Amino acid sequence: MEDYKEIMKELLLRFYSPIGVGGGNKIHKSTQELLSMFRGVIPSTPITEHDVFEVMKDCSFEIEHKILTKEVCIYEGDEEKGIPAEYDKVEVGRVLLWGLYEL
């Protein structure tokens, strides 16, 4: 039987880094999102979210706290007077996600 966790580590480190090197974009993904990504190439039965968590920790990826925001209108403006609407970002939630740097 294949050691899927080793394959997952190899694939993960081929495309992402736990530290910012070479100016790659930083992205955030949940364990569930990463599991879905791996299921594109690894049979779904042998791997679980627990395997993804273990792989991420073994590869030294960090868990980060993200504040989720959405843009809301705080002033509708006045079209007749040419005054534009004003928007502000409002917190809608907080989540813990894995930080990955694209290579």
PDB file of N, CA and C in Angstrom:
ATOM      1  N   MET A   1       0.846  -1.191   0.000  1.00  0.00           N
ATOM      2  CA  MET A   1       0.000   0.000   0.000  1.00  0.00           C
ATOM      3  C   MET A   1       0.887   1.249   0.000  1.00  0.00           C
ATOM      4  N   GLU A   2       0.462   2.233  -0.744  1.00  0.00           N
ATOM      5  CA  GLU A   2       1.206   3.488  -0.826  1.00  0.00           C
ATOM      6  C   GLU A   2       1.206   4.213   0.514  1.00  0.00           C
ATOM      7  N   ASP A   3       2.289   4.928   0.784  1.00  0.00           N
ATOM      8  CA  ASP A   3       2.321   5.797   1.963  1.00  0.00           C
ATOM      9  C   ASP A   3       1.821   7.162   1.500  1.00  0.00           C
ATOM     10  N   TYR A   4       0.510   7.339   1.578  1.00  0.00           N
ATOM     11  CA  TYR A   4      -0.111   8.547   1.043  1.00  0.00           C
ATOM     12  C   TYR A   4       0.356   9.813   1.741  1.00  0.00           C
ATOM     13  N   LYS A   5       0.676   9.728   3.019  1.00  0.00           N
ATOM     14  CA  LYS A   5       1.127  10.938   3.721  1.00  0.00           C
ATOM     15  C   LYS A   5       2.451  11.433   3.148  1.00  0.00           C
ATOM     16  N   GLU A   6       3.330  10.529   2.797  1.00  0.00           N
ATOM     17  CA  GLU A   6       4.606  10.939   2.193  1.00  0.00           C
ATOM     18  C   GLU A   6       4.373  11.566   0.818  1.00  0.00           C
ATOM     19  N   ILE A   7       3.454  11.002   0.049  1.00  0.00           N
ATOM     20  CA  ILE A   7       3.116  11.571  -1.256  1.00  0.00           C
ATOM     21  C   ILE A   7       2.504  12.959  -1.073  1.00  0.00           C
ATOM     22  N   MET A   8       1.632  13.104  -0.071  1.00  0.00           N
ATOM     23  CA  MET A   8       1.016  14.402   0.204  1.00  0.00           C
ATOM     24  C   MET A   8       2.078  15.437   0.558  1.00  0.00           C
ATOM     25  N   LYS A   9       3.052  15.054   1.380  1.00  0.00           N
ATOM     26  CA  LYS A   9       4.131  15.977   1.755  1.00  0.00           C
ATOM     27  C   LYS A   9       4.911  16.405   0.515  1.00  0.00           C
ATOM     28  N   GLU A  10       5.254  15.424  -0.330  1.00  0.00           N
ATOM     29  CA  GLU A  10       6.024  15.715  -1.540  1.00  0.00           C
ATOM     30  C   GLU A  10       5.266  16.685  -2.451  1.00  0.00           C
ATOM     31  N   LEU A  11       3.982  16.429  -2.664  1.00  0.00           N
ATOM     32  CA  LEU A  11       3.177  17.303  -3.518  1.00  0.00           C
ATOM     33  C   LEU A  11       3.027  18.692  -2.914  1.00  0.00           C
ATOM     34  N   LEU A  12       2.761  18.750  -1.628  1.00  0.00           N
ATOM     35  CA  LEU A  12       2.576  20.025  -0.945  1.00  0.00           C
ATOM     36  C   LEU A  12       3.823  20.890  -1.065  1.00  0.00           C
ATOM     37  N   LEU A  13       4.982  20.302  -0.798  1.00  0.00           N
ATOM     38  CA  LEU A  13       6.228  21.067  -0.818  1.00  0.00           C
ATOM     39  C   LEU A  13       6.717  21.363  -2.238  1.00  0.00           C
ATOM     40  N   ARG A  14       6.137  20.712  -3.229  1.00  0.00           N
ATOM     41  CA  ARG A  14       6.467  21.023  -4.617  1.00  0.00           C
ATOM     42  C   ARG A  14       5.858  22.370  -5.028  1.00  0.00           C
ATOM     43  N   PHE A  15       4.690  22.687  -4.459  1.00  0.00           N
ATOM     44  CA  PHE A  15       3.964  23.886  -4.868  1.00  0.00           C
ATOM     45  C   PHE A  15       3.881  24.979  -3.807  1.00  0.00           C
ATOM     46  N   TYR A  16       4.156  24.637  -2.540  1.00  0.00           N
ATOM     47  CA  TYR A  16       4.013  25.593  -1.442  1.00  0.00           C
ATOM     48  C   TYR A  16       5.193  25.501  -0.487  1.00  0.00           C
ATOM     49  N   SER A  17       5.408  26.581   0.249  1.00  0.00           N
ATOM     50  CA  SER A  17       6.460  26.632   1.257  1.00  0.00           C
ATOM     51  C   SER A  17       5.868  27.161   2.560  1.00  0.00           C
ATOM     52  N   PRO A  18       6.371  26.672   3.710  1.00  0.00           N
ATOM     53  CA  PRO A  18       5.896  27.213   4.982  1.00  0.00           C
ATOM     54  C   PRO A  18       6.489  28.583   5.301  1.00  0.00           C
ATOM     55  N   ILE A  19       7.504  28.993   4.552  1.00  0.00           N
ATOM     56  CA  ILE A  19       8.122  30.304   4.766  1.00  0.00           C
ATOM     57  C   ILE A  19       8.147  31.052   3.439  1.00  0.00           C
ATOM     58  N   GLY A  20       8.121  32.374   3.499  1.00  0.00           N
ATOM     59  CA  GLY A  20       8.123  33.181   2.286  1.00  0.00           C
ATOM     60  C   GLY A  20       9.499  33.231   1.653  1.00  0.00           C
ATOM     61  N   VAL A  21       9.660  32.559   0.523  1.00  0.00           N
ATOM     62  CA  VAL A  21      10.915  32.602  -0.229  1.00  0.00           C
ATOM     63  C   VAL A  21      10.588  32.886  -1.689  1.00  0.00           C
ATOM     64  N   GLY A  22      11.397  33.683  -2.321  1.00  0.00           N
ATOM     65  CA  GLY A  22      11.222  33.945  -3.742  1.00  0.00           C
ATOM     66  C   GLY A  22      10.029  34.811  -4.095  1.00  0.00           C
ATOM     67  N   GLY A  23       9.474  35.511  -3.134  1.00  0.00           N
ATOM     68  CA  GLY A  23       8.388  36.440  -3.427  1.00  0.00           C
ATOM     69  C   GLY A  23       7.054  35.810  -3.773  1.00  0.00           C
ATOM     70  N   GLY A  24       6.844  34.550  -3.393  1.00  0.00           N
ATOM     71  CA  GLY A  24       5.568  33.899  -3.684  1.00  0.00           C
ATOM     72  C   GLY A  24       4.421  34.500  -2.892  1.00  0.00           C
ATOM     73  N   ASN A  25       3.230  34.448  -3.463  1.00  0.00           N
ATOM     74  CA  ASN A  25       2.035  34.948  -2.783  1.00  0.00           C
ATOM     75  C   ASN A  25       1.709  34.090  -1.576  1.00  0.00           C
ATOM     76  N   LYS A  26       1.234  34.735  -0.513  1.00  0.00           N
ATOM     77  CA  LYS A  26       0.797  33.999   0.665  1.00  0.00           C
ATOM     78  C   LYS A  26      -0.699  33.767   0.544  1.00  0.00           C
ATOM     79  N   ILE A  27      -1.103  32.529   0.739  1.00  0.00           N
ATOM     80  CA  ILE A  27      -2.517  32.189   0.702  1.00  0.00           C
ATOM     81  C   ILE A  27      -2.872  31.456   1.988  1.00  0.00           C
ATOM     82  N   HIS A  28      -4.166  31.314   2.232  1.00  0.00           N
ATOM     83  CA  HIS A  28      -4.635  30.600   3.417  1.00  0.00           C
ATOM     84  C   HIS A  28      -5.640  29.548   2.989  1.00  0.00           C
ATOM     85  N   LYS A  29      -5.529  28.356   3.561  1.00  0.00           N
ATOM     86  CA  LYS A  29      -6.449  27.267   3.251  1.00  0.00           C
ATOM     87  C   LYS A  29      -6.805  26.535   4.530  1.00  0.00           C
ATOM     88  N   SER A  30      -8.040  26.049   4.573  1.00  0.00           N
ATOM     89  CA  SER A  30      -8.470  25.237   5.709  1.00  0.00           C
ATOM     90  C   SER A  30      -8.013  23.796   5.489  1.00  0.00           C
ATOM     91  N   THR A  31      -8.041  23.013   6.548  1.00  0.00           N
ATOM     92  CA  THR A  31      -7.696  21.599   6.437  1.00  0.00           C
ATOM     93  C   THR A  31      -8.630  20.924   5.436  1.00  0.00           C
ATOM     94  N   GLN A  32      -9.906  21.271   5.458  1.00  0.00           N
ATOM     95  CA  GLN A  32     -10.885  20.691   4.530  1.00  0.00           C
ATOM     96  C   GLN A  32     -10.558  21.061   3.083  1.00  0.00           C
ATOM     97  N   GLU A  33     -10.149  22.299   2.834  1.00  0.00           N
ATOM     98  CA  GLU A  33      -9.775  22.714   1.476  1.00  0.00           C
ATOM     99  C   GLU A  33      -8.557  21.936   0.992  1.00  0.00           C
ATOM    100  N   LEU A  34      -7.592  21.738   1.879  1.00  0.00           N
ATOM    101  CA  LEU A  34      -6.399  20.977   1.506  1.00  0.00           C
ATOM    102  C   LEU A  34      -6.751  19.521   1.232  1.00  0.00           C
ATOM    103  N   LEU A  35      -7.640  18.948   2.039  1.00  0.00           N
ATOM    104  CA  LEU A  35      -8.080  17.573   1.813  1.00  0.00           C
ATOM    105  C   LEU A  35      -8.717  17.458   0.430  1.00  0.00           C
ATOM    106  N   SER A  36      -9.561  18.406   0.069  1.00  0.00           N
ATOM    107  CA  SER A  36     -10.198  18.394  -1.255  1.00  0.00           C
ATOM    108  C   SER A  36      -9.158  18.487  -2.365  1.00  0.00           C
ATOM    109  N   MET A  37      -8.126  19.290  -2.151  1.00  0.00           N
ATOM    110  CA  MET A  37      -7.067  19.435  -3.138  1.00  0.00           C
ATOM    111  C   MET A  37      -6.340  18.099  -3.337  1.00  0.00           C
ATOM    112  N   PHE A  38      -6.000  17.427  -2.237  1.00  0.00           N
ATOM    113  CA  PHE A  38      -5.302  16.145  -2.336  1.00  0.00           C
ATOM    114  C   PHE A  38      -6.182  15.073  -2.962  1.00  0.00           C
ATOM    115  N   ARG A  39      -7.476  15.137  -2.721  1.00  0.00           N
ATOM    116  CA  ARG A  39      -8.377  14.118  -3.263  1.00  0.00           C
ATOM    117  C   ARG A  39      -8.451  14.178  -4.781  1.00  0.00           C
ATOM    118  N   GLY A  40      -7.921  15.240  -5.369  1.00  0.00           N
ATOM    119  CA  GLY A  40      -7.862  15.310  -6.823  1.00  0.00           C
ATOM    120  C   GLY A  40      -6.897  14.292  -7.411  1.00  0.00           C
ATOM    121  N   VAL A  41      -5.916  13.846  -6.628  1.00  0.00           N
ATOM    122  CA  VAL A  41      -4.909  12.907  -7.137  1.00  0.00           C
ATOM    123  C   VAL A  41      -4.728  11.666  -6.270  1.00  0.00           C
ATOM    124  N   ILE A  42      -5.220  11.687  -5.053  1.00  0.00           N
ATOM    125  CA  ILE A  42      -5.066  10.549  -4.143  1.00  0.00           C
ATOM    126  C   ILE A  42      -6.453   9.980  -3.871  1.00  0.00           C
ATOM    127  N   PRO A  43      -6.615   8.665  -3.897  1.00  0.00           N
ATOM    128  CA  PRO A  43      -7.924   8.085  -3.602  1.00  0.00           C
ATOM    129  C   PRO A  43      -8.474   8.612  -2.278  1.00  0.00           C
ATOM    130  N   SER A  44      -9.759   8.914  -2.258  1.00  0.00           N
ATOM    131  CA  SER A  44     -10.354   9.569  -1.084  1.00  0.00           C
ATOM    132  C   SER A  44     -10.459   8.668   0.135  1.00  0.00           C
ATOM    133  N   THR A  45     -10.581   7.381  -0.039  1.00  0.00           N
ATOM    134  CA  THR A  45     -10.790   6.495   1.107  1.00  0.00           C
ATOM    135  C   THR A  45      -9.629   6.472   2.092  1.00  0.00           C
ATOM    136  N   PRO A  46      -8.368   6.371   1.623  1.00  0.00           N
ATOM    137  CA  PRO A  46      -7.297   6.220   2.619  1.00  0.00           C
ATOM    138  C   PRO A  46      -6.878   7.491   3.347  1.00  0.00           C
ATOM    139  N   ILE A  47      -7.304   8.675   2.909  1.00  0.00           N
ATOM    140  CA  ILE A  47      -6.845   9.885   3.595  1.00  0.00           C
ATOM    141  C   ILE A  47      -8.010  10.604   4.267  1.00  0.00           C
ATOM    142  N   THR A  48      -7.702  11.247   5.386  1.00  0.00           N
ATOM    143  CA  THR A  48      -8.713  11.981   6.143  1.00  0.00           C
ATOM    144  C   THR A  48      -8.159  13.356   6.507  1.00  0.00           C
ATOM    145  N   GLU A  49      -8.990  14.162   7.147  1.00  0.00           N
ATOM    146  CA  GLU A  49      -8.538  15.467   7.631  1.00  0.00           C
ATOM    147  C   GLU A  49      -7.403  15.301   8.641  1.00  0.00           C
ATOM    148  N   HIS A  50      -7.416  14.215   9.393  1.00  0.00           N
ATOM    149  CA  HIS A  50      -6.346  13.963  10.367  1.00  0.00           C
ATOM    150  C   HIS A  50      -5.002  13.798   9.660  1.00  0.00           C
ATOM    151  N   ASP A  51      -5.023  13.115   8.513  1.00  0.00           N
ATOM    152  CA  ASP A  51      -3.794  12.953   7.732  1.00  0.00           C
ATOM    153  C   ASP A  51      -3.291  14.305   7.231  1.00  0.00           C
ATOM    154  N   VAL A  52      -4.205  15.141   6.748  1.00  0.00           N
ATOM    155  CA  VAL A  52      -3.823  16.471   6.258  1.00  0.00           C
ATOM    156  C   VAL A  52      -3.212  17.283   7.395  1.00  0.00           C
ATOM    157  N   PHE A  53      -3.837  17.260   8.562  1.00  0.00           N
ATOM    158  CA  PHE A  53      -3.322  17.994   9.717  1.00  0.00           C
ATOM    159  C   PHE A  53      -1.907  17.523  10.060  1.00  0.00           C
ATOM    160  N   GLU A  54      -1.710  16.222  10.095  1.00  0.00           N
ATOM    161  CA  GLU A  54      -0.394  15.671  10.425  1.00  0.00           C
ATOM    162  C   GLU A  54       0.654  16.077   9.386  1.00  0.00           C
ATOM    163  N   VAL A  55       0.289  16.025   8.109  1.00  0.00           N
ATOM    164  CA  VAL A  55       1.208  16.416   7.037  1.00  0.00           C
ATOM    165  C   VAL A  55       1.596  17.888   7.177  1.00  0.00           C
ATOM    166  N   MET A  56       0.617  18.744   7.435  1.00  0.00           N
ATOM    167  CA  MET A  56       0.901  20.174   7.565  1.00  0.00           C
ATOM    168  C   MET A  56       1.839  20.447   8.736  1.00  0.00           C
ATOM    169  N   LYS A  57       1.625  19.789   9.857  1.00  0.00           N
ATOM    170  CA  LYS A  57       2.497  19.967  11.021  1.00  0.00           C
ATOM    171  C   LYS A  57       3.894  19.410  10.736  1.00  0.00           C
ATOM    172  N   ASP A  58       3.956  18.225  10.114  1.00  0.00           N
ATOM    173  CA  ASP A  58       5.248  17.613   9.793  1.00  0.00           C
ATOM    174  C   ASP A  58       6.069  18.483   8.846  1.00  0.00           C
ATOM    175  N   CYS A  59       5.398  19.217   7.961  1.00  0.00           N
ATOM    176  CA  CYS A  59       6.091  20.080   6.996  1.00  0.00           C
ATOM    177  C   CYS A  59       6.312  21.493   7.531  1.00  0.00           C
ATOM    178  N   SER A  60       6.015  21.723   8.810  1.00  0.00           N
ATOM    179  CA  SER A  60       6.267  22.995   9.503  1.00  0.00           C
ATOM    180  C   SER A  60       5.406  24.164   9.037  1.00  0.00           C
ATOM    181  N   PHE A  61       4.223  23.893   8.479  1.00  0.00           N
ATOM    182  CA  PHE A  61       3.316  24.984   8.142  1.00  0.00           C
ATOM    183  C   PHE A  61       2.683  25.495   9.421  1.00  0.00           C
ATOM    184  N   GLU A  62       2.405  26.803   9.453  1.00  0.00           N
ATOM    185  CA  GLU A  62       1.874  27.454  10.652  1.00  0.00           C
ATOM    186  C   GLU A  62       0.369  27.681  10.532  1.00  0.00           C
ATOM    187  N   ILE A  63      -0.297  27.633  11.677  1.00  0.00           N
ATOM    188  CA  ILE A  63      -1.712  27.976  11.754  1.00  0.00           C
ATOM    189  C   ILE A  63      -1.793  29.463  12.065  1.00  0.00           C
ATOM    190  N   GLU A  64      -2.629  30.180  11.303  1.00  0.00           N
ATOM    191  CA  GLU A  64      -2.750  31.622  11.477  1.00  0.00           C
ATOM    192  C   GLU A  64      -4.189  32.015  11.757  1.00  0.00           C
ATOM    193  N   HIS A  65      -4.326  33.105  12.469  1.00  0.00           N
ATOM    194  CA  HIS A  65      -5.641  33.651  12.812  1.00  0.00           C
ATOM    195  C   HIS A  65      -6.018  34.682  11.763  1.00  0.00           C
ATOM    196  N   LYS A  66      -7.135  34.474  11.074  1.00  0.00           N
ATOM    197  CA  LYS A  66      -7.584  35.402  10.036  1.00  0.00           C
ATOM    198  C   LYS A  66      -8.900  36.034  10.452  1.00  0.00           C
ATOM    199  N   ILE A  67      -9.000  37.330  10.223  1.00  0.00           N
ATOM    200  CA  ILE A  67     -10.248  38.048  10.458  1.00  0.00           C
ATOM    201  C   ILE A  67     -10.948  38.182   9.110  1.00  0.00           C
ATOM    202  N   LEU A  68     -12.167  37.687   9.030  1.00  0.00           N
ATOM    203  CA  LEU A  68     -12.941  37.750   7.801  1.00  0.00           C
ATOM    204  C   LEU A  68     -13.764  39.034   7.797  1.00  0.00           C
ATOM    205  N   THR A  69     -13.712  39.756   6.687  1.00  0.00           N
ATOM    206  CA  THR A  69     -14.448  41.018   6.584  1.00  0.00           C
ATOM    207  C   THR A  69     -15.289  41.032   5.314  1.00  0.00           C
ATOM    208  N   LYS A  70     -16.264  41.913   5.310  1.00  0.00           N
ATOM    209  CA  LYS A  70     -17.006  42.181   4.082  1.00  0.00           C
ATOM    210  C   LYS A  70     -17.203  43.685   3.991  1.00  0.00           C
ATOM    211  N   GLU A  71     -17.351  44.153   2.772  1.00  0.00           N
ATOM    212  CA  GLU A  71     -17.513  45.584   2.545  1.00  0.00           C
ATOM    213  C   GLU A  71     -19.000  45.937   2.635  1.00  0.00           C
ATOM    214  N   VAL A  72     -19.312  46.934   3.463  1.00  0.00           N
ATOM    215  CA  VAL A  72     -20.703  47.385   3.608  1.00  0.00           C
ATOM    216  C   VAL A  72     -20.772  48.884   3.321  1.00  0.00           C
ATOM    217  N   CYS A  73     -21.899  49.284   2.800  1.00  0.00           N
ATOM    218  CA  CYS A  73     -22.120  50.699   2.494  1.00  0.00           C
ATOM    219  C   CYS A  73     -22.435  51.440   3.787  1.00  0.00           C
ATOM    220  N   ILE A  74     -21.643  52.480   4.081  1.00  0.00           N
ATOM    221  CA  ILE A  74     -21.905  53.270   5.287  1.00  0.00           C
ATOM    222  C   ILE A  74     -22.537  54.619   4.940  1.00  0.00           C
ATOM    223  N   TYR A  75     -22.474  54.984   3.664  1.00  0.00           N
ATOM    224  CA  TYR A  75     -23.129  56.211   3.195  1.00  0.00           C
ATOM    225  C   TYR A  75     -23.512  55.989   1.736  1.00  0.00           C
ATOM    226  N   GLU A  76     -24.780  56.123   1.418  1.00  0.00           N
ATOM    227  CA  GLU A  76     -25.261  55.828   0.070  1.00  0.00           C
ATOM    228  C   GLU A  76     -24.838  56.861  -0.963  1.00  0.00           C
ATOM    229  N   GLY A  77     -24.396  57.992  -0.524  1.00  0.00           N
ATOM    230  CA  GLY A  77     -23.988  59.032  -1.462  1.00  0.00           C
ATOM    231  C   GLY A  77     -25.191  59.748  -2.059  1.00  0.00           C
ATOM    232  N   ASP A  78     -24.915  60.651  -2.968  1.00  0.00           N
ATOM    233  CA  ASP A  78     -25.975  61.423  -3.626  1.00  0.00           C
ATOM    234  C   ASP A  78     -25.577  61.586  -5.090  1.00  0.00           C
ATOM    235  N   GLU A  79     -26.245  60.822  -5.963  1.00  0.00           N
ATOM    236  CA  GLU A  79     -25.906  60.864  -7.389  1.00  0.00           C
ATOM    237  C   GLU A  79     -26.125  62.250  -7.983  1.00  0.00           C
ATOM    238  N   GLU A  80     -27.199  62.900  -7.578  1.00  0.00           N
ATOM    239  CA  GLU A  80     -27.510  64.222  -8.136  1.00  0.00           C
ATOM    240  C   GLU A  80     -26.425  65.243  -7.821  1.00  0.00           C
ATOM    241  N   LYS A  81     -25.829  65.138  -6.643  1.00  0.00           N
ATOM    242  CA  LYS A  81     -24.777  66.076  -6.237  1.00  0.00           C
ATOM    243  C   LYS A  81     -23.385  65.551  -6.581  1.00  0.00           C
ATOM    244  N   GLY A  82     -23.325  64.347  -7.152  1.00  0.00           N
ATOM    245  CA  GLY A  82     -22.036  63.770  -7.515  1.00  0.00           C
ATOM    246  C   GLY A  82     -21.222  63.269  -6.332  1.00  0.00           C
ATOM    247  N   ILE A  83     -21.892  62.989  -5.217  1.00  0.00           N
ATOM    248  CA  ILE A  83     -21.189  62.484  -4.027  1.00  0.00           C
ATOM    249  C   ILE A  83     -21.231  60.958  -4.063  1.00  0.00           C
ATOM    250  N   PRO A  84     -20.058  60.325  -4.127  1.00  0.00           N
ATOM    251  CA  PRO A  84     -20.041  58.861  -4.221  1.00  0.00           C
ATOM    252  C   PRO A  84     -20.412  58.194  -2.892  1.00  0.00           C
ATOM    253  N   ALA A  85     -20.846  56.952  -3.019  1.00  0.00           N
ATOM    254  CA  ALA A  85     -21.145  56.148  -1.830  1.00  0.00           C
ATOM    255  C   ALA A  85     -19.840  55.843  -1.104  1.00  0.00           C
ATOM    256  N   GLU A  86     -19.937  55.630   0.202  1.00  0.00           N
ATOM    257  CA  GLU A  86     -18.763  55.280   1.003  1.00  0.00           C
ATOM    258  C   GLU A  86     -18.953  53.879   1.572  1.00  0.00           C
ATOM    259  N   TYR A  87     -17.856  53.146   1.582  1.00  0.00           N
ATOM    260  CA  TYR A  87     -17.888  51.767   2.059  1.00  0.00           C
ATOM    261  C   TYR A  87     -16.841  51.573   3.144  1.00  0.00           C
ATOM    262  N   ASP A  88     -17.109  50.621   4.006  1.00  0.00           N
ATOM    263  CA  ASP A  88     -16.162  50.281   5.067  1.00  0.00           C
ATOM    264  C   ASP A  88     -16.160  48.768   5.219  1.00  0.00           C
ATOM    265  N   LYS A  89     -15.045  48.233   5.689  1.00  0.00           N
ATOM    266  CA  LYS A  89     -14.959  46.796   5.934  1.00  0.00           C
ATOM    267  C   LYS A  89     -15.405  46.504   7.355  1.00  0.00           C
ATOM    268  N   VAL A  90     -16.268  45.499   7.483  1.00  0.00           N
ATOM    269  CA  VAL A  90     -16.817  45.118   8.775  1.00  0.00           C
ATOM    270  C   VAL A  90     -16.465  43.656   9.037  1.00  0.00           C
ATOM    271  N   GLU A  91     -16.024  43.371  10.244  1.00  0.00           N
ATOM    272  CA  GLU A  91     -15.685  41.998  10.608  1.00  0.00           C
ATOM    273  C   GLU A  91     -16.943  41.137  10.609  1.00  0.00           C
ATOM    274  N   VAL A  92     -16.836  39.979   9.942  1.00  0.00           N
ATOM    275  CA  VAL A  92     -17.960  39.041   9.911  1.00  0.00           C
ATOM    276  C   VAL A  92     -17.614  37.705  10.556  1.00  0.00           C
ATOM    277  N   GLY A  93     -16.357  37.523  10.929  1.00  0.00           N
ATOM    278  CA  GLY A  93     -15.966  36.281  11.575  1.00  0.00           C
ATOM    279  C   GLY A  93     -14.465  36.166  11.715  1.00  0.00           C
ATOM    280  N   ARG A  94     -14.077  35.135  12.427  1.00  0.00           N
ATOM    281  CA  ARG A  94     -12.661  34.832  12.617  1.00  0.00           C
ATOM    282  C   ARG A  94     -12.472  33.339  12.407  1.00  0.00           C
ATOM    283  N   VAL A  95     -11.324  32.980  11.848  1.00  0.00           N
ATOM    284  CA  VAL A  95     -11.075  31.578  11.543  1.00  0.00           C
ATOM    285  C   VAL A  95      -9.579  31.306  11.650  1.00  0.00           C
ATOM    286  N   LEU A  96      -9.241  30.080  11.980  1.00  0.00           N
ATOM    287  CA  LEU A  96      -7.846  29.636  11.991  1.00  0.00           C
ATOM    288  C   LEU A  96      -7.601  28.862  10.699  1.00  0.00           C
ATOM    289  N   LEU A  97      -6.552  29.255   9.962  1.00  0.00           N
ATOM    290  CA  LEU A  97      -6.234  28.637   8.677  1.00  0.00           C
ATOM    291  C   LEU A  97      -4.742  28.361   8.579  1.00  0.00           C
ATOM    292  N   TRP A  98      -4.386  27.480   7.684  1.00  0.00           N
ATOM    293  CA  TRP A  98      -2.980  27.204   7.404  1.00  0.00           C
ATOM    294  C   TRP A  98      -2.434  28.297   6.499  1.00  0.00           C
ATOM    295  N   GLY A  99      -1.234  28.811   6.811  1.00  0.00           N
ATOM    296  CA  GLY A  99      -0.563  29.787   5.955  1.00  0.00           C
ATOM    297  C   GLY A  99       0.386  29.067   5.015  1.00  0.00           C
ATOM    298  N   LEU A 100       0.232  29.292   3.719  1.00  0.00           N
ATOM    299  CA  LEU A 100       1.080  28.664   2.710  1.00  0.00           C
ATOM    300  C   LEU A 100       1.622  29.739   1.781  1.00  0.00           C
ATOM    301  N   TYR A 101       2.847  29.606   1.370  1.00  0.00           N
ATOM    302  CA  TYR A 101       3.437  30.508   0.385  1.00  0.00           C
ATOM    303  C   TYR A 101       3.547  29.758  -0.931  1.00  0.00           C
ATOM    304  N   GLU A 102       3.013  30.344  -1.999  1.00  0.00           N
ATOM    305  CA  GLU A 102       3.111  29.727  -3.311  1.00  0.00           C
ATOM    306  C   GLU A 102       4.545  29.821  -3.812  1.00  0.00           C
ATOM    307  N   LEU A 103       4.997  28.788  -4.467  1.00  0.00           N
ATOM    308  CA  LEU A 103       6.352  28.777  -5.033  1.00  0.00           C
ATOM    309  C   LEU A 103       6.307  29.142  -6.501  1.00  0.00           C
TER     310      LEU A 103
END
